[in-house]
Amino acid sequence: MDMIEIKKGGKYTVVSQSGKEEPMTTVGEFVGYTILGEEGAICFRISKEKEKSFMRLIPVAGLIAIEF
């Protein structure tokens, strides 16, 4: 099996822990990796139709799934 990687600029759906009972679903453009406190995180640019785009940092420990 080939190695799977997420690529900068690619659009992905990420399911992660939200602090509530139900997980949070994020759909956005992968920007890169960063550090959040002492933890690694992935960074996504979120664009909504009538709102400004914003960045969402998701701690790696909170990831449940990344859909390709």
C-alpha atoms as a PDB file:
ATOM      1  CA  MET A   1       0.000   0.000   0.000  1.00  0.00           C
ATOM      2  CA  ASP A   2       1.260   3.477  -0.866  1.00  0.00           C
ATOM      3  CA  MET A   3       1.848   6.015   1.885  1.00  0.00           C
ATOM      4  CA  ILE A   4      -1.130   8.307   2.384  1.00  0.00           C
ATOM      5  CA  GLU A   5      -0.511  11.984   3.072  1.00  0.00           C
ATOM      6  CA  ILE A   6      -2.602  15.094   3.260  1.00  0.00           C
ATOM      7  CA  LYS A   7      -1.361  17.826   0.951  1.00  0.00           C
ATOM      8  CA  LYS A   8      -1.317  21.587   1.426  1.00  0.00           C
ATOM      9  CA  GLY A   9      -4.181  23.199  -0.449  1.00  0.00           C
ATOM     10  CA  GLY A  10      -6.234  19.986  -0.478  1.00  0.00           C
ATOM     11  CA  LYS A  11      -9.828  20.047   0.753  1.00  0.00           C
ATOM     12  CA  TYR A  12     -10.606  17.501   3.474  1.00  0.00           C
ATOM     13  CA  THR A  13     -13.306  16.590   5.963  1.00  0.00           C
ATOM     14  CA  VAL A  14     -11.979  16.098   9.494  1.00  0.00           C
ATOM     15  CA  VAL A  15     -13.877  14.578  12.402  1.00  0.00           C
ATOM     16  CA  SER A  16     -12.455  15.502  15.802  1.00  0.00           C
ATOM     17  CA  GLN A  17     -13.333  15.644  19.468  1.00  0.00           C
ATOM     18  CA  SER A  18     -15.273  18.767  20.379  1.00  0.00           C
ATOM     19  CA  GLY A  19     -15.517  18.777  24.165  1.00  0.00           C
ATOM     20  CA  LYS A  20     -19.200  17.903  23.809  1.00  0.00           C
ATOM     21  CA  GLU A  21     -20.850  14.507  23.416  1.00  0.00           C
ATOM     22  CA  GLU A  22     -20.881  14.693  19.619  1.00  0.00           C
ATOM     23  CA  PRO A  23     -17.719  15.088  17.535  1.00  0.00           C
ATOM     24  CA  MET A  24     -17.051  18.203  15.456  1.00  0.00           C
ATOM     25  CA  THR A  25     -16.872  17.969  11.657  1.00  0.00           C
ATOM     26  CA  THR A  26     -14.585  20.396   9.844  1.00  0.00           C
ATOM     27  CA  VAL A  27     -14.547  20.855   6.062  1.00  0.00           C
ATOM     28  CA  GLY A  28     -11.717  23.011   4.838  1.00  0.00           C
ATOM     29  CA  GLU A  29      -8.404  23.505   3.073  1.00  0.00           C
ATOM     30  CA  PHE A  30      -5.342  21.974   4.718  1.00  0.00           C
ATOM     31  CA  VAL A  31      -2.785  24.709   5.437  1.00  0.00           C
ATOM     32  CA  GLY A  32      -0.122  22.803   7.374  1.00  0.00           C
ATOM     33  CA  TYR A  33       1.070  21.625  10.746  1.00  0.00           C
ATOM     34  CA  THR A  34       1.755  23.732  13.832  1.00  0.00           C
ATOM     35  CA  ILE A  35       2.316  23.504  17.570  1.00  0.00           C
ATOM     36  CA  LEU A  36      -0.548  24.314  19.937  1.00  0.00           C
ATOM     37  CA  GLY A  37       0.915  24.630  23.423  1.00  0.00           C
ATOM     38  CA  GLU A  38       3.068  21.510  23.657  1.00  0.00           C
ATOM     39  CA  GLU A  39       0.963  19.461  21.220  1.00  0.00           C
ATOM     40  CA  GLY A  40       1.105  19.048  17.478  1.00  0.00           C
ATOM     41  CA  ALA A  41      -1.907  20.332  15.552  1.00  0.00           C
ATOM     42  CA  ILE A  42      -3.175  20.472  11.988  1.00  0.00           C
ATOM     43  CA  CYS A  43      -4.357  23.776  10.562  1.00  0.00           C
ATOM     44  CA  PHE A  44      -7.334  24.220   8.217  1.00  0.00           C
ATOM     45  CA  ARG A  45      -8.701  27.318   6.467  1.00  0.00           C
ATOM     46  CA  ILE A  46     -12.488  27.336   6.789  1.00  0.00           C
ATOM     47  CA  SER A  47     -14.508  29.335   4.256  1.00  0.00           C
ATOM     48  CA  LYS A  48     -18.215  29.965   4.621  1.00  0.00           C
ATOM     49  CA  GLU A  49     -20.290  31.637   1.914  1.00  0.00           C
ATOM     50  CA  LYS A  50     -21.236  34.904   3.610  1.00  0.00           C
ATOM     51  CA  GLU A  51     -18.539  35.051   6.288  1.00  0.00           C
ATOM     52  CA  LYS A  52     -14.823  35.742   6.319  1.00  0.00           C
ATOM     53  CA  SER A  53     -12.597  32.695   6.165  1.00  0.00           C
ATOM     54  CA  PHE A  54     -10.863  31.683   9.381  1.00  0.00           C
ATOM     55  CA  MET A  55      -8.238  29.206  10.565  1.00  0.00           C
ATOM     56  CA  ARG A  56      -9.025  26.187  12.741  1.00  0.00           C
ATOM     57  CA  LEU A  57      -6.282  24.381  14.660  1.00  0.00           C
ATOM     58  CA  ILE A  58      -7.111  20.787  15.556  1.00  0.00           C
ATOM     59  CA  PRO A  59      -4.838  19.040  18.090  1.00  0.00           C
ATOM     60  CA  VAL A  60      -3.532  15.758  16.681  1.00  0.00           C
ATOM     61  CA  ALA A  61      -4.602  13.947  19.884  1.00  0.00           C
ATOM     62  CA  GLY A  62      -8.213  15.014  19.196  1.00  0.00           C
ATOM     63  CA  LEU A  63      -8.406  13.609  15.650  1.00  0.00           C
ATOM     64  CA  ILE A  64     -10.953  10.874  15.031  1.00  0.00           C
ATOM     65  CA  ALA A  65     -10.877  10.670  11.210  1.00  0.00           C
ATOM     66  CA  ILE A  66      -9.732  12.477   8.067  1.00  0.00           C
ATOM     67  CA  GLU A  67     -11.841  11.772   4.989  1.00  0.00           C
ATOM     68  CA  PHE A  68     -10.192  11.938   1.567  1.00  0.00           C
END
